Amino acid sequence: MADERQARLPEDPADYTMSLGDHLEELRRRVIAAIIVPLPLSILIFFIAHILVEWLLLPLQKVQLAWGFPPEVQVLSPPEFLLLELKLSVVLALVLSLPWLLWQAWLFIGPGLYPRERRFVYLLLPGSGILTLVGIAVMYFVMLPLMLQVLMLITRGVDVPAQLIPAATASDSALIVPILEHPPETAAPGQFWVSDDGTTLRIAVQSDEPDHVQVLQAPLQGRNAVTQVFQLSSYVNFVLALLLGVSLAFQLPLVLLLGGWLGLLNAPMLRGKRKWALLVCAAVSAITTPADAFSMLLMLVPLYALYEFGIILVATLPVDRVVGRSRDGDEAA
């Protein structure tokens, strides 16, 4: 009976009445129904979790190669990689199951809303999904690579004092390793050379594919006091935290729009509070990004742009336009 009443979504929420016990029972049923999808989905995703790890490591590997470091990370405990795959499986399962989870939530709260209030949800949910996808794309393809570049540059600037580096006398009979500005177009297995900046040793080896040579590289230690070695779980946690922060930050236009629909905000008010908005955006950027000015700026620029986008939404989508009739007319009805 509850499902039939929810499917009809009554015009008047008063027509959909339940006792407290029935509400709790309905909530229990919706929670059980909500976990039916993500639980088995996480088990299936676990078998391809290594693909997720490769996808998350790709921006870091590109930066490592650009700075002359081997594209690899460290695992410091036997179960670390397994636990990380389990974590990624659960996270992706929840993300993919989000439409189903929202649908179950809608079946629980939808009958208690007036038709004009449901129209708000019909606009906010798709908009939230679109902004989340845009935020993920911006984070992965723009923000994360630039942040890694800056963080790598900051760490690379710490050098060992010159007097602590052993020196040697040059000899004509010693083995000479060529220093090349660019890798050779063709290389034979066993060939090796040093990059022109003196930081990377590259060695050509035979790969598993016939007629294909793979070039391996290793950083030359001695001048840098800090070694660029990353732990897998720490890096993935950093990416997931950044992803969560960006996804939440990209909901700002919808928060402003909802505030406008509720009569709490309006476009002139938001325009007059631009200085305060910039300050709040800067504080949020400092909390959700690593402790460097460049990363904070990377978050601040799109976050404030979203604030301006929210002003446009509030000005162009007033509540009367969404509901289709005046607020007074609805109350009279």
Protein backbone atom coordinates (compact mmCIF):
# COMPACT_ATOMS: atom_id res chain seq x y z
CA MET A 1 0.00 0.00 0.00
CA ALA A 2 2.84 2.39 0.80
CA ASP A 3 4.49 1.76 -2.57
CA GLU A 4 1.22 2.45 -4.41
CA ARG A 5 0.72 5.74 -2.59
CA GLN A 6 4.35 6.74 -3.22
CA ALA A 7 4.08 5.87 -6.91
CA ARG A 8 1.05 8.18 -7.25
CA LEU A 9 2.80 11.07 -5.42
CA PRO A 10 -0.40 12.68 -4.08
CA GLU A 11 -1.25 16.30 -4.82
CA ASP A 12 -1.70 17.01 -1.12
CA PRO A 13 0.87 15.52 1.31
CA ALA A 14 -1.95 15.29 3.86
CA ASP A 15 -3.36 12.45 1.77
CA TYR A 16 -0.22 10.45 2.51
CA THR A 17 -0.29 9.86 6.26
CA MET A 18 1.53 7.19 8.23
CA SER A 19 2.17 6.56 11.88
CA LEU A 20 5.63 6.97 13.37
CA GLY A 21 6.08 3.21 13.39
CA ASP A 22 5.08 2.99 9.73
CA HIS A 23 7.54 5.77 8.88
CA LEU A 24 10.36 3.91 10.63
CA GLU A 25 9.41 0.69 8.88
CA GLU A 26 9.35 2.49 5.53
CA LEU A 27 12.75 4.02 6.24
CA ARG A 28 14.14 0.57 7.08
CA ARG A 29 12.78 -0.83 3.83
CA ARG A 30 14.29 1.98 1.78
CA VAL A 31 17.69 1.59 3.45
CA ILE A 32 17.68 -2.15 2.73
CA ALA A 33 16.60 -1.52 -0.86
CA ALA A 34 19.33 1.13 -1.23
CA ILE A 35 22.18 -1.26 -0.37
CA ILE A 36 20.93 -4.01 -2.70
CA VAL A 37 22.70 -2.41 -5.67
CA PRO A 38 26.04 -1.02 -4.31
CA LEU A 39 26.91 -4.13 -2.27
CA PRO A 40 27.09 -6.66 -5.14
CA LEU A 41 28.38 -3.96 -7.48
CA SER A 42 31.37 -3.34 -5.20
CA ILE A 43 32.18 -7.05 -5.33
CA LEU A 44 32.14 -7.02 -9.13
CA ILE A 45 34.23 -3.84 -9.32
CA PHE A 46 36.83 -5.38 -7.01
CA PHE A 47 37.93 -7.68 -9.85
CA ILE A 48 38.82 -4.66 -12.01
CA ALA A 49 40.07 -2.44 -9.18
CA HIS A 50 43.59 -2.51 -10.64
CA ILE A 51 42.25 -0.49 -13.59
CA LEU A 52 41.07 2.18 -11.14
CA VAL A 53 44.51 2.28 -9.57
CA GLU A 54 46.12 2.72 -12.99
CA TRP A 55 43.64 5.50 -13.83
CA LEU A 56 44.38 7.37 -10.60
CA LEU A 57 48.14 6.96 -11.00
CA LEU A 58 48.25 8.22 -14.59
CA PRO A 59 48.50 11.97 -13.75
CA LEU A 60 51.23 11.26 -11.19
CA GLN A 61 53.17 9.06 -13.61
CA LYS A 62 53.15 11.76 -16.27
CA VAL A 63 54.56 14.28 -13.80
CA GLN A 64 57.17 11.79 -12.56
CA LEU A 65 58.34 11.12 -16.11
CA ALA A 66 58.47 14.84 -16.85
CA TRP A 67 60.74 15.37 -13.83
CA GLY A 68 62.97 12.39 -14.56
CA PHE A 69 61.65 10.01 -11.92
CA PRO A 70 60.50 6.44 -12.46
CA PRO A 71 56.71 6.25 -12.75
CA GLU A 72 56.12 4.17 -9.65
CA VAL A 73 54.85 4.35 -6.07
CA GLN A 74 55.61 2.37 -2.95
CA VAL A 75 53.51 -0.11 -0.98
CA LEU A 76 54.78 -0.22 2.61
CA SER A 77 52.78 -3.13 4.04
CA PRO A 78 51.60 -6.50 2.65
CA PRO A 79 47.83 -5.79 2.84
CA GLU A 80 48.06 -2.16 1.71
CA PHE A 81 47.30 -2.77 -1.95
CA LEU A 82 44.45 -5.18 -1.17
CA LEU A 83 42.83 -2.75 1.27
CA LEU A 84 43.20 0.05 -1.24
CA GLU A 85 41.45 -1.99 -3.94
CA LEU A 86 38.61 -2.74 -1.51
CA LYS A 87 38.28 0.94 -0.68
CA LEU A 88 38.20 1.98 -4.33
CA SER A 89 35.64 -0.71 -5.10
CA VAL A 90 33.28 0.57 -2.42
CA VAL A 91 33.75 4.21 -3.44
CA LEU A 92 33.11 3.56 -7.14
CA ALA A 93 30.13 1.33 -6.34
CA LEU A 94 28.58 4.13 -4.30
CA VAL A 95 29.22 6.63 -7.08
CA LEU A 96 27.69 4.40 -9.75
CA SER A 97 24.76 3.56 -7.48
CA LEU A 98 24.03 7.21 -6.72
CA PRO A 99 20.97 7.39 -9.06
CA TRP A 100 19.50 4.33 -7.34
CA LEU A 101 20.25 5.76 -3.88
CA LEU A 102 18.64 9.08 -4.80
CA TRP A 103 15.62 7.25 -6.20
CA GLN A 104 15.12 5.40 -2.91
CA ALA A 105 15.45 8.67 -1.02
CA TRP A 106 12.90 10.23 -3.36
CA LEU A 107 10.43 7.38 -2.77
CA PHE A 108 10.69 8.11 0.95
CA ILE A 109 10.35 11.91 0.94
CA GLY A 110 8.53 12.56 -2.37
CA PRO A 111 4.99 11.85 -1.13
CA GLY A 112 5.48 14.42 1.64
CA LEU A 113 6.18 17.29 -0.78
CA TYR A 114 3.77 19.55 -2.62
CA PRO A 115 3.87 19.40 -6.46
CA ARG A 116 5.58 22.82 -6.64
CA GLU A 117 8.28 21.58 -4.26
CA ARG A 118 8.85 18.49 -6.38
CA ARG A 119 9.62 20.72 -9.34
CA PHE A 120 12.59 22.07 -7.42
CA VAL A 121 13.92 18.54 -6.98
CA TYR A 122 13.43 17.74 -10.66
CA LEU A 123 15.79 20.62 -11.50
CA LEU A 124 18.26 20.31 -8.63
CA LEU A 125 19.07 16.59 -8.97
CA PRO A 126 20.03 16.62 -12.69
CA GLY A 127 21.90 19.88 -12.17
CA SER A 128 23.81 18.37 -9.27
CA GLY A 129 24.80 15.37 -11.40
CA ILE A 130 26.03 17.58 -14.24
CA LEU A 131 28.04 19.84 -11.92
CA THR A 132 29.57 16.81 -10.21
CA LEU A 133 30.74 15.36 -13.53
CA VAL A 134 32.17 18.73 -14.56
CA GLY A 135 33.97 19.01 -11.23
CA ILE A 136 35.48 15.53 -11.57
CA ALA A 137 36.72 16.33 -15.08
CA VAL A 138 38.22 19.66 -14.00
CA MET A 139 39.90 18.02 -11.01
CA TYR A 140 41.38 15.08 -12.92
CA PHE A 141 42.47 16.76 -16.15
CA VAL A 142 43.39 20.26 -14.91
CA MET A 143 43.77 20.71 -11.17
CA LEU A 144 45.48 17.45 -10.19
CA PRO A 145 48.27 17.55 -12.85
CA LEU A 146 49.04 21.20 -12.07
CA MET A 147 49.05 20.58 -8.31
CA LEU A 148 51.42 17.65 -8.73
CA GLN A 149 53.72 19.73 -10.90
CA VAL A 150 53.91 22.49 -8.30
CA LEU A 151 54.35 20.10 -5.37
CA MET A 152 57.10 18.26 -7.25
CA LEU A 153 58.82 21.57 -8.00
CA ILE A 154 58.67 22.67 -4.36
CA THR A 155 60.21 19.44 -3.10
CA ARG A 156 62.86 19.37 -5.81
CA GLY A 157 64.18 22.76 -4.70
CA VAL A 158 65.82 21.32 -1.56
CA ASP A 159 69.49 20.58 -2.44
CA VAL A 160 72.37 18.99 -0.59
CA PRO A 161 75.17 21.48 0.22
CA ALA A 162 77.92 21.32 -2.39
CA GLN A 163 80.64 20.63 0.21
CA LEU A 164 78.88 17.40 1.20
CA ILE A 165 78.87 15.96 -2.32
CA PRO A 166 81.99 13.85 -3.05
CA ALA A 167 84.12 15.09 -5.92
CA ALA A 168 86.38 13.10 -8.24
CA THR A 169 89.16 13.90 -10.68
CA ALA A 170 88.37 13.49 -14.37
CA SER A 171 90.14 10.68 -16.24
CA ASP A 172 90.35 9.98 -19.94
CA SER A 173 90.42 6.21 -19.36
CA ALA A 174 87.20 6.15 -17.33
CA LEU A 175 83.92 4.88 -18.76
CA ILE A 176 82.15 7.82 -20.37
CA VAL A 177 78.36 7.90 -20.25
CA PRO A 178 76.96 10.19 -22.96
CA ILE A 179 74.83 13.16 -21.90
CA LEU A 180 71.94 13.68 -24.30
CA GLU A 181 69.41 16.49 -24.42
CA HIS A 182 66.83 14.28 -26.09
CA PRO A 183 66.51 10.46 -26.13
CA PRO A 184 67.79 8.86 -29.35
CA GLU A 185 65.17 8.05 -31.95
CA THR A 186 66.42 4.45 -32.07
CA ALA A 187 68.16 2.71 -29.19
CA ALA A 188 69.71 -0.72 -28.82
CA PRO A 189 69.24 -2.88 -25.71
CA GLY A 190 72.02 -2.07 -23.25
CA GLN A 191 72.49 1.49 -24.44
CA PHE A 192 72.42 4.08 -21.66
CA TRP A 193 72.80 7.81 -21.29
CA VAL A 194 72.29 10.68 -18.84
CA SER A 195 69.79 13.50 -19.32
CA ASP A 196 71.25 16.88 -20.10
CA ASP A 197 70.34 18.23 -16.63
CA GLY A 198 72.33 15.42 -14.99
CA THR A 199 69.44 14.14 -12.91
CA THR A 200 68.29 10.99 -14.72
CA LEU A 201 69.99 7.83 -16.00
CA ARG A 202 68.15 6.14 -18.87
CA ILE A 203 68.78 2.56 -20.01
CA ALA A 204 67.33 0.83 -23.07
CA VAL A 205 66.19 -2.75 -22.51
CA GLN A 206 64.43 -5.34 -24.63
CA SER A 207 60.69 -5.39 -23.98
CA ASP A 208 58.33 -8.32 -24.18
CA GLU A 209 57.17 -7.21 -27.61
CA PRO A 210 59.47 -8.20 -30.53
CA ASP A 211 61.43 -5.41 -32.19
CA HIS A 212 60.50 -3.05 -29.38
CA VAL A 213 62.93 -1.46 -26.95
CA GLN A 214 61.77 -0.01 -23.64
CA VAL A 215 63.62 2.86 -21.99
CA LEU A 216 63.88 2.66 -18.21
CA GLN A 217 65.03 5.55 -16.08
CA ALA A 218 66.27 6.15 -12.57
CA PRO A 219 66.96 9.40 -10.71
CA LEU A 220 70.59 10.16 -9.91
CA GLN A 221 70.77 10.90 -6.21
CA GLY A 222 73.31 13.25 -4.69
CA ARG A 223 72.15 16.80 -5.34
CA ASN A 224 68.56 16.57 -4.08
CA ALA A 225 68.14 16.34 -0.32
CA VAL A 226 64.54 15.10 -0.64
CA THR A 227 63.76 11.98 -2.65
CA GLN A 228 60.50 11.97 -4.59
CA VAL A 229 58.98 8.68 -3.40
CA PHE A 230 55.21 8.38 -3.03
CA GLN A 231 53.20 5.89 -1.02
CA LEU A 232 50.30 4.43 -2.97
CA SER A 233 47.64 4.70 -0.27
CA SER A 234 48.67 8.24 0.69
CA TYR A 235 48.49 9.41 -2.91
CA VAL A 236 45.10 7.78 -3.55
CA ASN A 237 43.72 9.23 -0.31
CA PHE A 238 44.96 12.65 -1.42
CA VAL A 239 43.19 12.29 -4.79
CA LEU A 240 39.94 11.05 -3.22
CA ALA A 241 39.93 13.88 -0.67
CA LEU A 242 40.52 16.41 -3.44
CA LEU A 243 37.79 14.76 -5.51
CA LEU A 244 35.32 15.01 -2.64
CA GLY A 245 36.19 18.65 -1.99
CA VAL A 246 35.84 19.62 -5.65
CA SER A 247 32.55 17.70 -6.03
CA LEU A 248 31.06 19.49 -3.03
CA ALA A 249 32.42 22.88 -4.09
CA PHE A 250 30.81 22.55 -7.52
CA GLN A 251 27.37 22.37 -5.87
CA LEU A 252 27.65 26.05 -4.90
CA PRO A 253 25.47 27.39 -7.77
CA LEU A 254 22.63 25.06 -6.78
CA VAL A 255 22.93 26.06 -3.12
CA LEU A 256 22.58 29.71 -4.11
CA LEU A 257 19.70 28.88 -6.44
CA LEU A 258 17.87 27.00 -3.69
CA GLY A 259 18.43 29.92 -1.34
CA GLY A 260 16.88 32.21 -3.94
CA TRP A 261 13.84 29.94 -4.32
CA LEU A 262 13.35 29.92 -0.54
CA GLY A 263 13.45 33.70 -0.43
CA LEU A 264 16.69 33.83 1.56
CA LEU A 265 18.84 35.27 -1.25
CA ASN A 266 18.47 37.41 -4.34
CA ALA A 267 20.76 38.52 -7.14
CA PRO A 268 21.35 42.11 -5.91
CA MET A 269 22.23 40.79 -2.45
CA LEU A 270 24.71 38.31 -3.88
CA ARG A 271 26.31 40.96 -6.08
CA GLY A 272 26.75 43.20 -3.06
CA LYS A 273 28.48 40.44 -1.09
CA ARG A 274 31.15 39.64 -3.68
CA LYS A 275 34.03 40.63 -1.38
CA TRP A 276 32.77 38.40 1.41
CA ALA A 277 32.13 35.62 -1.06
CA LEU A 278 35.69 35.85 -2.30
CA LEU A 279 36.95 35.61 1.27
CA VAL A 280 34.81 32.55 1.99
CA CYS A 281 35.90 30.91 -1.28
CA ALA A 282 39.54 31.52 -0.34
CA ALA A 283 38.99 29.91 3.07
CA VAL A 284 37.31 26.87 1.49
CA SER A 285 40.11 26.61 -1.07
CA ALA A 286 42.74 26.66 1.69
CA ILE A 287 40.95 23.86 3.57
CA THR A 288 40.33 21.55 0.61
CA THR A 289 43.75 21.80 -1.09
CA PRO A 290 47.39 21.16 -0.13
CA ALA A 291 49.15 23.87 1.85
CA ASP A 292 50.56 25.87 -1.04
CA ALA A 293 49.36 29.10 -2.63
CA PHE A 294 49.20 27.73 -6.19
CA SER A 295 46.89 24.83 -5.28
CA MET A 296 44.65 27.20 -3.34
CA LEU A 297 44.50 29.50 -6.36
CA LEU A 298 43.57 26.57 -8.59
CA MET A 299 40.57 25.90 -6.38
CA LEU A 300 39.72 29.54 -5.76
CA VAL A 301 39.33 30.52 -9.43
CA PRO A 302 36.66 27.94 -10.38
CA LEU A 303 34.97 28.25 -6.97
CA TYR A 304 34.46 31.99 -7.35
CA ALA A 305 33.41 31.47 -10.98
CA LEU A 306 30.73 29.09 -9.66
CA TYR A 307 29.57 31.84 -7.28
CA GLU A 308 29.11 34.19 -10.23
CA PHE A 309 27.32 31.41 -12.10
CA GLY A 310 25.02 31.02 -9.10
CA ILE A 311 24.14 34.72 -9.30
CA ILE A 312 23.17 34.24 -12.94
CA LEU A 313 20.97 31.26 -12.02
CA VAL A 314 19.25 33.19 -9.22
CA ALA A 315 18.57 36.10 -11.58
CA THR A 316 17.35 34.03 -14.54
CA LEU A 317 15.45 31.25 -12.72
CA PRO A 318 13.21 32.90 -10.12
CA VAL A 319 10.83 30.73 -8.18
CA ASP A 320 7.78 31.95 -10.11
CA ARG A 321 9.31 30.81 -13.37
CA VAL A 322 10.11 27.37 -12.02
CA VAL A 323 6.78 26.77 -10.31
CA GLY A 324 4.86 28.21 -13.22
CA ARG A 325 2.65 30.40 -11.11
CA SER A 326 3.08 32.97 -8.38
CA ARG A 327 3.84 31.95 -4.83
CA ASP A 328 0.65 33.67 -3.67
CA GLY A 329 -1.39 31.64 -6.11
CA ASP A 330 0.10 28.42 -4.82
CA GLU A 331 -0.62 29.33 -1.23
CA ALA A 332 -4.18 30.22 -2.14
CA ALA A 333 -4.57 26.87 -3.89
